[in-house]
Amino acid sequence: MVLLTGATGYTGQRLLLRLREKEESVRVFVRPTSDLSEMDLRNVDVFVGDLTDQADCLAALSGVQRIVHLAHIRYTPQLLAVATSMVEHVIALSSLRLFSTVPSASVDEVAQAEKQVHAYATPCTILRPSMIFGCDDRNISGLAAQLKRFRWVPVFGDGQALSQPVYVEDVVAATLACLGRPHLAGKTYAIAGPRALSFNEIVAALGRALDLHPRTLNVPARLALVGLQCLGLVGVKLPVSAEQVKRSQEDKVFSIIEAQKDLGFAPLEFDEALSRIYRQP
């Protein structure tokens, strides 16, 4: 049996569908407040509990041999603390944000959780995805909505900072591949797109997919940070934070060679993934 956490999340719903297609025996660990109304849970065991509660974690693990932990990695130690020898393999999703040089409590939290995971004897593989995108995600889809409505987007800095967004179905495929390879326990893998793209290239690719000609409005990063600070002092809240502006200036480039070699990871090119999401009529 596979215990799946984070099943109601963006990646989790897609992974659950694939696990059901493969006729895996699955138990999902969901919160009491989780909305399951639109989820197909046929032939799925549903356990309602709290990942911070040791008794709930122990009960959820009854009869479980494999764990796919898509909920925040900070909860992984709670599961590992009560895992018995019956658990053969744990796959935990972390984040490549771990390598950001911008001071952040969220980055520190991920780093601390990964350190704790490695302290347990239960075999665990860590997958670190980059920015995940797909249909109705919170990242690229938001940018697409901006372009559809206004035909332009603000760009902090010169738009040349690099990143490797990864298609959600490729993250799912990598997770499934890892699930079938328990001998990879103890390893970590970067799960990212096949090549690095500048923000300007991402906007241009979206323009092609949406059949429009996007424009960019460049805002110097330092000016944006000063503006955010001033607006914060007068109580104005904007949908972007100083931390996000600083992180947007970082290059986020990672090698996926190990994932390609060990997991058969073959992520789609950004343009190809966009064409699947925004098919023109």
C-alpha atoms as a PDB file:
ATOM      1  CA  MET A   1       0.000   0.000   0.000  1.00  0.00           C
ATOM      2  CA  VAL A   2       1.052   3.570  -0.783  1.00  0.00           C
ATOM      3  CA  LEU A   3       0.319   6.350   1.697  1.00  0.00           C
ATOM      4  CA  LEU A   4      -0.068   9.629  -0.187  1.00  0.00           C
ATOM      5  CA  THR A   5      -0.004  12.967   1.581  1.00  0.00           C
ATOM      6  CA  GLY A   6      -0.825  16.217  -0.192  1.00  0.00           C
ATOM      7  CA  ALA A   7      -3.354  14.387  -2.375  1.00  0.00           C
ATOM      8  CA  THR A   8      -5.643  17.416  -2.534  1.00  0.00           C
ATOM      9  CA  GLY A   9      -2.846  19.672  -3.803  1.00  0.00           C
ATOM     10  CA  TYR A  10      -2.001  20.658  -7.340  1.00  0.00           C
ATOM     11  CA  THR A  11       0.520  17.876  -7.970  1.00  0.00           C
ATOM     12  CA  GLY A  12      -1.121  15.446  -5.584  1.00  0.00           C
ATOM     13  CA  GLN A  13      -4.420  15.234  -7.455  1.00  0.00           C
ATOM     14  CA  ARG A  14      -2.605  14.355 -10.660  1.00  0.00           C
ATOM     15  CA  LEU A  15      -0.400  11.789  -8.968  1.00  0.00           C
ATOM     16  CA  LEU A  16      -3.412  10.154  -7.321  1.00  0.00           C
ATOM     17  CA  LEU A  17      -5.060   9.800 -10.725  1.00  0.00           C
ATOM     18  CA  ARG A  18      -1.977   8.060 -12.105  1.00  0.00           C
ATOM     19  CA  LEU A  19      -1.701   5.766  -9.095  1.00  0.00           C
ATOM     20  CA  ARG A  20      -5.327   4.754  -9.564  1.00  0.00           C
ATOM     21  CA  GLU A  21      -4.706   4.114 -13.262  1.00  0.00           C
ATOM     22  CA  LYS A  22      -1.844   1.808 -12.261  1.00  0.00           C
ATOM     23  CA  GLU A  23      -4.236   0.050  -9.849  1.00  0.00           C
ATOM     24  CA  GLU A  24      -2.008   0.748  -6.878  1.00  0.00           C
ATOM     25  CA  SER A  25      -3.460   0.285  -3.411  1.00  0.00           C
ATOM     26  CA  VAL A  26      -3.580   3.866  -2.103  1.00  0.00           C
ATOM     27  CA  ARG A  27      -4.438   5.554   1.165  1.00  0.00           C
ATOM     28  CA  VAL A  28      -4.627   9.337   1.212  1.00  0.00           C
ATOM     29  CA  PHE A  29      -3.855  11.277   4.392  1.00  0.00           C
ATOM     30  CA  VAL A  30      -6.035  14.396   4.370  1.00  0.00           C
ATOM     31  CA  ARG A  31      -6.875  17.122   6.861  1.00  0.00           C
ATOM     32  CA  PRO A  32     -10.362  17.394   8.399  1.00  0.00           C
ATOM     33  CA  THR A  33     -10.761  20.697   6.527  1.00  0.00           C
ATOM     34  CA  SER A  34      -9.819  19.260   3.117  1.00  0.00           C
ATOM     35  CA  ASP A  35     -12.385  19.651   0.349  1.00  0.00           C
ATOM     36  CA  LEU A  36     -12.829  16.234  -1.270  1.00  0.00           C
ATOM     37  CA  SER A  37     -16.063  17.019  -3.092  1.00  0.00           C
ATOM     38  CA  GLU A  38     -14.528  17.123  -6.577  1.00  0.00           C
ATOM     39  CA  MET A  39     -12.040  14.293  -6.130  1.00  0.00           C
ATOM     40  CA  ASP A  40     -12.584  10.798  -7.512  1.00  0.00           C
ATOM     41  CA  LEU A  41     -11.766   8.600  -4.530  1.00  0.00           C
ATOM     42  CA  ARG A  42     -13.130   5.297  -5.798  1.00  0.00           C
ATOM     43  CA  ASN A  43     -11.020   2.396  -4.516  1.00  0.00           C
ATOM     44  CA  VAL A  44      -8.985   4.824  -2.404  1.00  0.00           C
ATOM     45  CA  ASP A  45      -8.706   4.534   1.371  1.00  0.00           C
ATOM     46  CA  VAL A  46      -9.193   7.956   2.975  1.00  0.00           C
ATOM     47  CA  PHE A  47      -7.573   8.672   6.331  1.00  0.00           C
ATOM     48  CA  VAL A  48      -8.552  11.955   7.984  1.00  0.00           C
ATOM     49  CA  GLY A  49      -6.049  13.318  10.454  1.00  0.00           C
ATOM     50  CA  ASP A  50      -3.327  15.771  11.359  1.00  0.00           C
ATOM     51  CA  LEU A  51       0.280  15.325  10.203  1.00  0.00           C
ATOM     52  CA  THR A  52       1.465  17.042  13.374  1.00  0.00           C
ATOM     53  CA  ASP A  53      -0.279  14.433  15.537  1.00  0.00           C
ATOM     54  CA  GLN A  54       1.912  11.398  16.242  1.00  0.00           C
ATOM     55  CA  ALA A  55      -1.056   9.121  16.934  1.00  0.00           C
ATOM     56  CA  ASP A  56      -2.667  10.073  13.601  1.00  0.00           C
ATOM     57  CA  CYS A  57       0.586   9.429  11.736  1.00  0.00           C
ATOM     58  CA  LEU A  58       0.956   6.022  13.371  1.00  0.00           C
ATOM     59  CA  ALA A  59      -2.622   5.057  12.518  1.00  0.00           C
ATOM     60  CA  ALA A  60      -2.265   6.260   8.923  1.00  0.00           C
ATOM     61  CA  LEU A  61       0.816   4.068   8.453  1.00  0.00           C
ATOM     62  CA  SER A  62      -0.938   0.840   9.406  1.00  0.00           C
ATOM     63  CA  GLY A  63      -0.375  -1.658   6.593  1.00  0.00           C
ATOM     64  CA  VAL A  64       1.659   0.835   4.530  1.00  0.00           C
ATOM     65  CA  GLN A  65       4.844  -0.190   2.706  1.00  0.00           C
ATOM     66  CA  ARG A  66       5.530   2.986   0.706  1.00  0.00           C
ATOM     67  CA  ILE A  67       5.004   6.672   1.389  1.00  0.00           C
ATOM     68  CA  VAL A  68       4.782   9.475  -1.158  1.00  0.00           C
ATOM     69  CA  HIS A  69       4.919  12.691   0.825  1.00  0.00           C
ATOM     70  CA  LEU A  70       3.763  15.654  -1.273  1.00  0.00           C
ATOM     71  CA  ALA A  71       2.679  17.762   1.690  1.00  0.00           C
ATOM     72  CA  HIS A  72       5.283  20.252   2.921  1.00  0.00           C
ATOM     73  CA  ILE A  73       8.541  18.494   3.701  1.00  0.00           C
ATOM     74  CA  ARG A  74       8.475  19.936   7.219  1.00  0.00           C
ATOM     75  CA  TYR A  75       5.969  17.184   8.078  1.00  0.00           C
ATOM     76  CA  THR A  76       8.191  14.325   6.862  1.00  0.00           C
ATOM     77  CA  PRO A  77      10.044  13.842  10.175  1.00  0.00           C
ATOM     78  CA  GLN A  78       6.709  13.255  11.967  1.00  0.00           C
ATOM     79  CA  LEU A  79       5.955  10.359   9.629  1.00  0.00           C
ATOM     80  CA  LEU A  80       9.465   8.934   9.797  1.00  0.00           C
ATOM     81  CA  ALA A  81       9.463   9.093  13.590  1.00  0.00           C
ATOM     82  CA  VAL A  82       6.675   6.496  13.776  1.00  0.00           C
ATOM     83  CA  ALA A  83       7.476   4.482  10.648  1.00  0.00           C
ATOM     84  CA  THR A  84       8.166   0.823  11.317  1.00  0.00           C
ATOM     85  CA  SER A  85      10.389  -1.567   9.393  1.00  0.00           C
ATOM     86  CA  MET A  86       7.330  -2.365   7.246  1.00  0.00           C
ATOM     87  CA  VAL A  87       7.872   0.938   5.405  1.00  0.00           C
ATOM     88  CA  GLU A  88      10.235   0.050   2.569  1.00  0.00           C
ATOM     89  CA  HIS A  89      10.596   3.418   0.858  1.00  0.00           C
ATOM     90  CA  VAL A  90       9.629   7.055   1.363  1.00  0.00           C
ATOM     91  CA  ILE A  91       9.593   9.665  -1.398  1.00  0.00           C
ATOM     92  CA  ALA A  92       9.501  13.235  -0.121  1.00  0.00           C
ATOM     93  CA  LEU A  93       9.021  16.291  -2.302  1.00  0.00           C
ATOM     94  CA  SER A  94      11.196  19.187  -1.243  1.00  0.00           C
ATOM     95  CA  SER A  95      12.037  22.237  -3.343  1.00  0.00           C
ATOM     96  CA  LEU A  96      14.960  23.696  -5.272  1.00  0.00           C
ATOM     97  CA  ARG A  97      14.178  26.904  -3.395  1.00  0.00           C
ATOM     98  CA  LEU A  98      16.527  25.328  -0.873  1.00  0.00           C
ATOM     99  CA  PHE A  99      19.400  26.861  -2.828  1.00  0.00           C
ATOM    100  CA  SER A 100      18.144  30.439  -2.807  1.00  0.00           C
ATOM    101  CA  THR A 101      20.624  32.922  -1.356  1.00  0.00           C
ATOM    102  CA  VAL A 102      17.841  35.307  -0.333  1.00  0.00           C
ATOM    103  CA  PRO A 103      17.331  35.095   3.460  1.00  0.00           C
ATOM    104  CA  SER A 104      13.984  33.444   4.068  1.00  0.00           C
ATOM    105  CA  ALA A 105      12.231  31.592   6.872  1.00  0.00           C
ATOM    106  CA  SER A 106      10.666  29.238   4.308  1.00  0.00           C
ATOM    107  CA  VAL A 107      14.083  28.293   2.913  1.00  0.00           C
ATOM    108  CA  ASP A 108      15.423  27.676   6.416  1.00  0.00           C
ATOM    109  CA  GLU A 109      12.406  25.469   7.118  1.00  0.00           C
ATOM    110  CA  VAL A 110      13.065  23.304   4.065  1.00  0.00           C
ATOM    111  CA  ALA A 111      16.767  22.988   4.897  1.00  0.00           C
ATOM    112  CA  GLN A 112      16.035  21.968   8.482  1.00  0.00           C
ATOM    113  CA  ALA A 113      13.448  19.397   7.394  1.00  0.00           C
ATOM    114  CA  GLU A 114      15.806  17.797   4.858  1.00  0.00           C
ATOM    115  CA  LYS A 115      18.513  17.578   7.519  1.00  0.00           C
ATOM    116  CA  GLN A 116      16.097  15.802   9.858  1.00  0.00           C
ATOM    117  CA  VAL A 117      14.931  13.397   7.146  1.00  0.00           C
ATOM    118  CA  HIS A 118      18.456  12.113   6.630  1.00  0.00           C
ATOM    119  CA  ALA A 119      18.766  11.375  10.350  1.00  0.00           C
ATOM    120  CA  TYR A 120      16.167   8.572  10.215  1.00  0.00           C
ATOM    121  CA  ALA A 121      16.862   4.975   9.240  1.00  0.00           C
ATOM    122  CA  THR A 122      13.755   4.638   7.050  1.00  0.00           C
ATOM    123  CA  PRO A 123      14.863   4.592   3.365  1.00  0.00           C
ATOM    124  CA  CYS A 124      13.957   7.965   1.848  1.00  0.00           C
ATOM    125  CA  THR A 125      14.498   9.635  -1.529  1.00  0.00           C
ATOM    126  CA  ILE A 126      14.106  13.392  -1.858  1.00  0.00           C
ATOM    127  CA  LEU A 127      12.883  14.984  -5.088  1.00  0.00           C
ATOM    128  CA  ARG A 128      13.428  18.724  -5.419  1.00  0.00           C
ATOM    129  CA  PRO A 129      11.214  20.233  -8.128  1.00  0.00           C
ATOM    130  CA  SER A 130      11.703  23.716  -9.502  1.00  0.00           C
ATOM    131  CA  MET A 131       8.705  25.991 -10.147  1.00  0.00           C
ATOM    132  CA  ILE A 132       5.874  23.655 -11.162  1.00  0.00           C
ATOM    133  CA  PHE A 133       3.482  24.772 -13.874  1.00  0.00           C
ATOM    134  CA  GLY A 134       0.527  23.356 -15.725  1.00  0.00           C
ATOM    135  CA  CYS A 135      -3.127  24.092 -16.312  1.00  0.00           C
ATOM    136  CA  ASP A 136      -4.390  26.512 -13.634  1.00  0.00           C
ATOM    137  CA  ASP A 137      -1.190  26.553 -11.596  1.00  0.00           C
ATOM    138  CA  ARG A 138      -0.325  29.517  -9.375  1.00  0.00           C
ATOM    139  CA  ASN A 139       2.722  30.626 -11.347  1.00  0.00           C
ATOM    140  CA  ILE A 140       2.736  30.515 -15.144  1.00  0.00           C
ATOM    141  CA  SER A 141      -1.072  30.526 -15.318  1.00  0.00           C
ATOM    142  CA  GLY A 142      -1.165  33.777 -13.375  1.00  0.00           C
ATOM    143  CA  LEU A 143       1.285  35.291 -15.831  1.00  0.00           C
ATOM    144  CA  ALA A 144      -0.825  34.034 -18.728  1.00  0.00           C
ATOM    145  CA  ALA A 145      -3.954  35.582 -17.230  1.00  0.00           C
ATOM    146  CA  GLN A 146      -2.138  38.918 -16.925  1.00  0.00           C
ATOM    147  CA  LEU A 147      -1.104  38.760 -20.583  1.00  0.00           C
ATOM    148  CA  LYS A 148      -4.581  37.820 -21.764  1.00  0.00           C
ATOM    149  CA  ARG A 149      -6.117  40.741 -19.927  1.00  0.00           C
ATOM    150  CA  PHE A 150      -3.580  43.523 -20.402  1.00  0.00           C
ATOM    151  CA  ARG A 151      -1.135  42.280 -23.080  1.00  0.00           C
ATOM    152  CA  TRP A 152       1.778  43.391 -20.882  1.00  0.00           C
ATOM    153  CA  VAL A 153       3.524  42.310 -17.679  1.00  0.00           C
ATOM    154  CA  PRO A 154       5.853  44.100 -15.249  1.00  0.00           C
ATOM    155  CA  VAL A 155       9.428  42.790 -15.149  1.00  0.00           C
ATOM    156  CA  PHE A 156      11.698  43.440 -12.197  1.00  0.00           C
ATOM    157  CA  GLY A 157      15.208  44.119 -13.448  1.00  0.00           C
ATOM    158  CA  ASP A 158      16.219  43.318 -16.997  1.00  0.00           C
ATOM    159  CA  GLY A 159      14.320  40.035 -17.248  1.00  0.00           C
ATOM    160  CA  GLN A 160      17.485  38.040 -17.910  1.00  0.00           C
ATOM    161  CA  ALA A 161      17.539  35.992 -14.685  1.00  0.00           C
ATOM    162  CA  LEU A 162      17.272  32.289 -15.520  1.00  0.00           C
ATOM    163  CA  SER A 163      14.928  29.610 -14.224  1.00  0.00           C
ATOM    164  CA  GLN A 164      13.844  26.080 -15.166  1.00  0.00           C
ATOM    165  CA  PRO A 165      10.078  25.713 -14.717  1.00  0.00           C
ATOM    166  CA  VAL A 166       8.965  22.087 -14.819  1.00  0.00           C
ATOM    167  CA  TYR A 167       5.690  20.733 -16.217  1.00  0.00           C
ATOM    168  CA  VAL A 168       3.517  19.160 -13.514  1.00  0.00           C
ATOM    169  CA  GLU A 169       3.062  15.910 -15.444  1.00  0.00           C
ATOM    170  CA  ASP A 170       6.852  15.537 -15.555  1.00  0.00           C
ATOM    171  CA  VAL A 171       6.999  15.872 -11.766  1.00  0.00           C
ATOM    172  CA  VAL A 172       4.341  13.172 -11.503  1.00  0.00           C
ATOM    173  CA  ALA A 173       6.272  10.914 -13.894  1.00  0.00           C
ATOM    174  CA  ALA A 174       9.486  11.362 -11.913  1.00  0.00           C
ATOM    175  CA  THR A 175       7.677  10.536  -8.670  1.00  0.00           C
ATOM    176  CA  LEU A 176       6.162   7.372 -10.136  1.00  0.00           C
ATOM    177  CA  ALA A 177       9.542   6.315 -11.507  1.00  0.00           C
ATOM    178  CA  CYS A 178      11.116   6.829  -8.104  1.00  0.00           C
ATOM    179  CA  LEU A 179       8.333   4.859  -6.443  1.00  0.00           C
ATOM    180  CA  GLY A 180       9.419   1.809  -8.430  1.00  0.00           C
ATOM    181  CA  ARG A 181      13.086   2.205  -7.512  1.00  0.00           C
ATOM    182  CA  PRO A 182      13.509   1.737  -3.751  1.00  0.00           C
ATOM    183  CA  HIS A 183      17.251   1.211  -4.253  1.00  0.00           C
ATOM    184  CA  LEU A 184      17.504   4.978  -4.815  1.00  0.00           C
ATOM    185  CA  ALA A 185      16.804   5.655  -1.133  1.00  0.00           C
ATOM    186  CA  GLY A 186      19.264   8.106   0.349  1.00  0.00           C
ATOM    187  CA  LYS A 187      19.599  10.115  -2.859  1.00  0.00           C
ATOM    188  CA  THR A 188      18.272  13.536  -3.821  1.00  0.00           C
ATOM    189  CA  TYR A 189      17.317  14.682  -7.315  1.00  0.00           C
ATOM    190  CA  ALA A 190      16.726  18.021  -8.977  1.00  0.00           C
ATOM    191  CA  ILE A 191      13.468  17.837 -10.953  1.00  0.00           C
ATOM    192  CA  ALA A 192      13.486  20.787 -13.340  1.00  0.00           C
ATOM    193  CA  GLY A 193      12.814  21.733 -16.931  1.00  0.00           C
ATOM    194  CA  PRO A 194      15.237  20.620 -19.656  1.00  0.00           C
ATOM    195  CA  ARG A 195      16.873  24.044 -20.047  1.00  0.00           C
ATOM    196  CA  ALA A 196      17.131  27.386 -18.340  1.00  0.00           C
ATOM    197  CA  LEU A 197      15.000  30.249 -19.645  1.00  0.00           C
ATOM    198  CA  SER A 198      15.139  33.943 -18.910  1.00  0.00           C
ATOM    199  CA  PHE A 199      11.955  35.620 -17.730  1.00  0.00           C
ATOM    200  CA  ASN A 200      11.822  37.443 -21.058  1.00  0.00           C
ATOM    201  CA  GLU A 201      11.959  34.081 -22.873  1.00  0.00           C
ATOM    202  CA  ILE A 202       9.149  32.746 -20.691  1.00  0.00           C
ATOM    203  CA  VAL A 203       6.963  35.747 -21.550  1.00  0.00           C
ATOM    204  CA  ALA A 204       7.758  35.362 -25.258  1.00  0.00           C
ATOM    205  CA  ALA A 205       6.898  31.652 -25.151  1.00  0.00           C
ATOM    206  CA  LEU A 206       3.587  32.429 -23.481  1.00  0.00           C
ATOM    207  CA  GLY A 207       2.879  34.973 -26.202  1.00  0.00           C
ATOM    208  CA  ARG A 208       3.378  32.290 -28.850  1.00  0.00           C
ATOM    209  CA  ALA A 209       1.157  29.835 -26.989  1.00  0.00           C
ATOM    210  CA  LEU A 210      -1.591  32.407 -26.490  1.00  0.00           C
ATOM    211  CA  ASP A 211      -1.250  33.860 -29.997  1.00  0.00           C
ATOM    212  CA  LEU A 212      -0.593  37.402 -28.839  1.00  0.00           C
ATOM    213  CA  HIS A 213       2.283  39.865 -28.769  1.00  0.00           C
ATOM    214  CA  PRO A 214       3.159  40.580 -25.143  1.00  0.00           C
ATOM    215  CA  ARG A 215       4.941  43.700 -23.956  1.00  0.00           C
ATOM    216  CA  THR A 216       7.062  44.050 -20.849  1.00  0.00           C
ATOM    217  CA  LEU A 217       7.411  46.996 -18.503  1.00  0.00           C
ATOM    218  CA  ASN A 218      10.827  46.907 -16.880  1.00  0.00           C
ATOM    219  CA  VAL A 219      11.028  48.151 -13.301  1.00  0.00           C
ATOM    220  CA  PRO A 220      14.509  48.424 -11.753  1.00  0.00           C
ATOM    221  CA  ALA A 221      14.695  45.944  -8.892  1.00  0.00           C
ATOM    222  CA  ARG A 222      16.126  48.491  -6.449  1.00  0.00           C
ATOM    223  CA  LEU A 223      13.357  50.949  -7.265  1.00  0.00           C
ATOM    224  CA  ALA A 224      10.761  48.224  -6.749  1.00  0.00           C
ATOM    225  CA  LEU A 225      12.221  47.341  -3.339  1.00  0.00           C
ATOM    226  CA  VAL A 226      12.171  50.991  -2.226  1.00  0.00           C
ATOM    227  CA  GLY A 227       8.604  51.346  -3.472  1.00  0.00           C
ATOM    228  CA  LEU A 228       7.476  48.227  -1.612  1.00  0.00           C
ATOM    229  CA  GLN A 229       9.088  49.478   1.574  1.00  0.00           C
ATOM    230  CA  CYS A 230       7.396  52.870   1.308  1.00  0.00           C
ATOM    231  CA  LEU A 231       3.995  51.385   0.532  1.00  0.00           C
ATOM    232  CA  GLY A 232       4.402  48.961   3.426  1.00  0.00           C
ATOM    233  CA  LEU A 233       4.970  51.865   5.800  1.00  0.00           C
ATOM    234  CA  VAL A 234       1.601  53.358   4.879  1.00  0.00           C
ATOM    235  CA  GLY A 235      -0.204  50.022   5.082  1.00  0.00           C
ATOM    236  CA  VAL A 236      -0.573  49.303   1.367  1.00  0.00           C
ATOM    237  CA  LYS A 237      -0.266  45.615   0.529  1.00  0.00           C
ATOM    238  CA  LEU A 238       0.715  44.448  -2.952  1.00  0.00           C
ATOM    239  CA  PRO A 239       0.575  40.944  -4.487  1.00  0.00           C
ATOM    240  CA  VAL A 240       4.375  40.810  -4.556  1.00  0.00           C
ATOM    241  CA  SER A 241       6.833  40.911  -1.648  1.00  0.00           C
ATOM    242  CA  ALA A 242      10.380  42.220  -1.350  1.00  0.00           C
ATOM    243  CA  GLU A 243      11.551  38.619  -0.974  1.00  0.00           C
ATOM    244  CA  GLN A 244       9.927  37.693  -4.284  1.00  0.00           C
ATOM    245  CA  VAL A 245      11.523  40.658  -6.037  1.00  0.00           C
ATOM    246  CA  LYS A 246      14.956  39.689  -4.714  1.00  0.00           C
ATOM    247  CA  ARG A 247      14.474  36.060  -5.680  1.00  0.00           C
ATOM    248  CA  SER A 248      13.406  37.091  -9.182  1.00  0.00           C
ATOM    249  CA  GLN A 249      16.930  38.416  -9.725  1.00  0.00           C
ATOM    250  CA  GLU A 250      18.575  35.061  -8.945  1.00  0.00           C
ATOM    251  CA  ASP A 251      19.603  32.546 -11.582  1.00  0.00           C
ATOM    252  CA  LYS A 252      17.914  29.234 -10.783  1.00  0.00           C
ATOM    253  CA  VAL A 253      19.829  26.768 -12.932  1.00  0.00           C
ATOM    254  CA  PHE A 254      20.207  23.103 -11.963  1.00  0.00           C
ATOM    255  CA  SER A 255      21.568  19.900 -13.421  1.00  0.00           C
ATOM    256  CA  ILE A 256      18.990  17.158 -14.044  1.00  0.00           C
ATOM    257  CA  ILE A 257      21.551  14.623 -15.269  1.00  0.00           C
ATOM    258  CA  GLU A 258      21.179  12.374 -12.218  1.00  0.00           C
ATOM    259  CA  ALA A 259      17.390  12.297 -12.549  1.00  0.00           C
ATOM    260  CA  GLN A 260      17.706  11.528 -16.253  1.00  0.00           C
ATOM    261  CA  LYS A 261      20.102   8.677 -15.536  1.00  0.00           C
ATOM    262  CA  ASP A 262      18.373   7.095 -12.539  1.00  0.00           C
ATOM    263  CA  LEU A 263      14.705   7.931 -13.141  1.00  0.00           C
ATOM    264  CA  GLY A 264      14.541   8.136 -16.914  1.00  0.00           C
ATOM    265  CA  PHE A 265      13.466  11.737 -16.393  1.00  0.00           C
ATOM    266  CA  ALA A 266      12.635  13.359 -19.742  1.00  0.00           C
ATOM    267  CA  PRO A 267      10.899  16.691 -19.125  1.00  0.00           C
ATOM    268  CA  LEU A 268       9.051  18.491 -21.887  1.00  0.00           C
ATOM    269  CA  GLU A 269      10.456  21.631 -23.409  1.00  0.00           C
ATOM    270  CA  PHE A 270       8.628  24.710 -22.113  1.00  0.00           C
ATOM    271  CA  ASP A 271       7.067  25.521 -25.504  1.00  0.00           C
ATOM    272  CA  GLU A 272       5.816  21.966 -25.944  1.00  0.00           C
ATOM    273  CA  ALA A 273       4.255  21.912 -22.492  1.00  0.00           C
ATOM    274  CA  LEU A 274       2.564  25.266 -23.152  1.00  0.00           C
ATOM    275  CA  SER A 275       1.148  23.951 -26.403  1.00  0.00           C
ATOM    276  CA  ARG A 276      -0.534  21.144 -24.460  1.00  0.00           C
ATOM    277  CA  ILE A 277      -1.978  23.578 -21.937  1.00  0.00           C
ATOM    278  CA  TYR A 278      -3.086  26.359 -24.304  1.00  0.00           C
ATOM    279  CA  ARG A 279      -4.093  24.517 -27.435  1.00  0.00           C
ATOM    280  CA  GLN A 280      -5.400  26.962 -29.996  1.00  0.00           C
ATOM    281  CA  PRO A 281      -8.874  26.110 -31.390  1.00  0.00           C
END
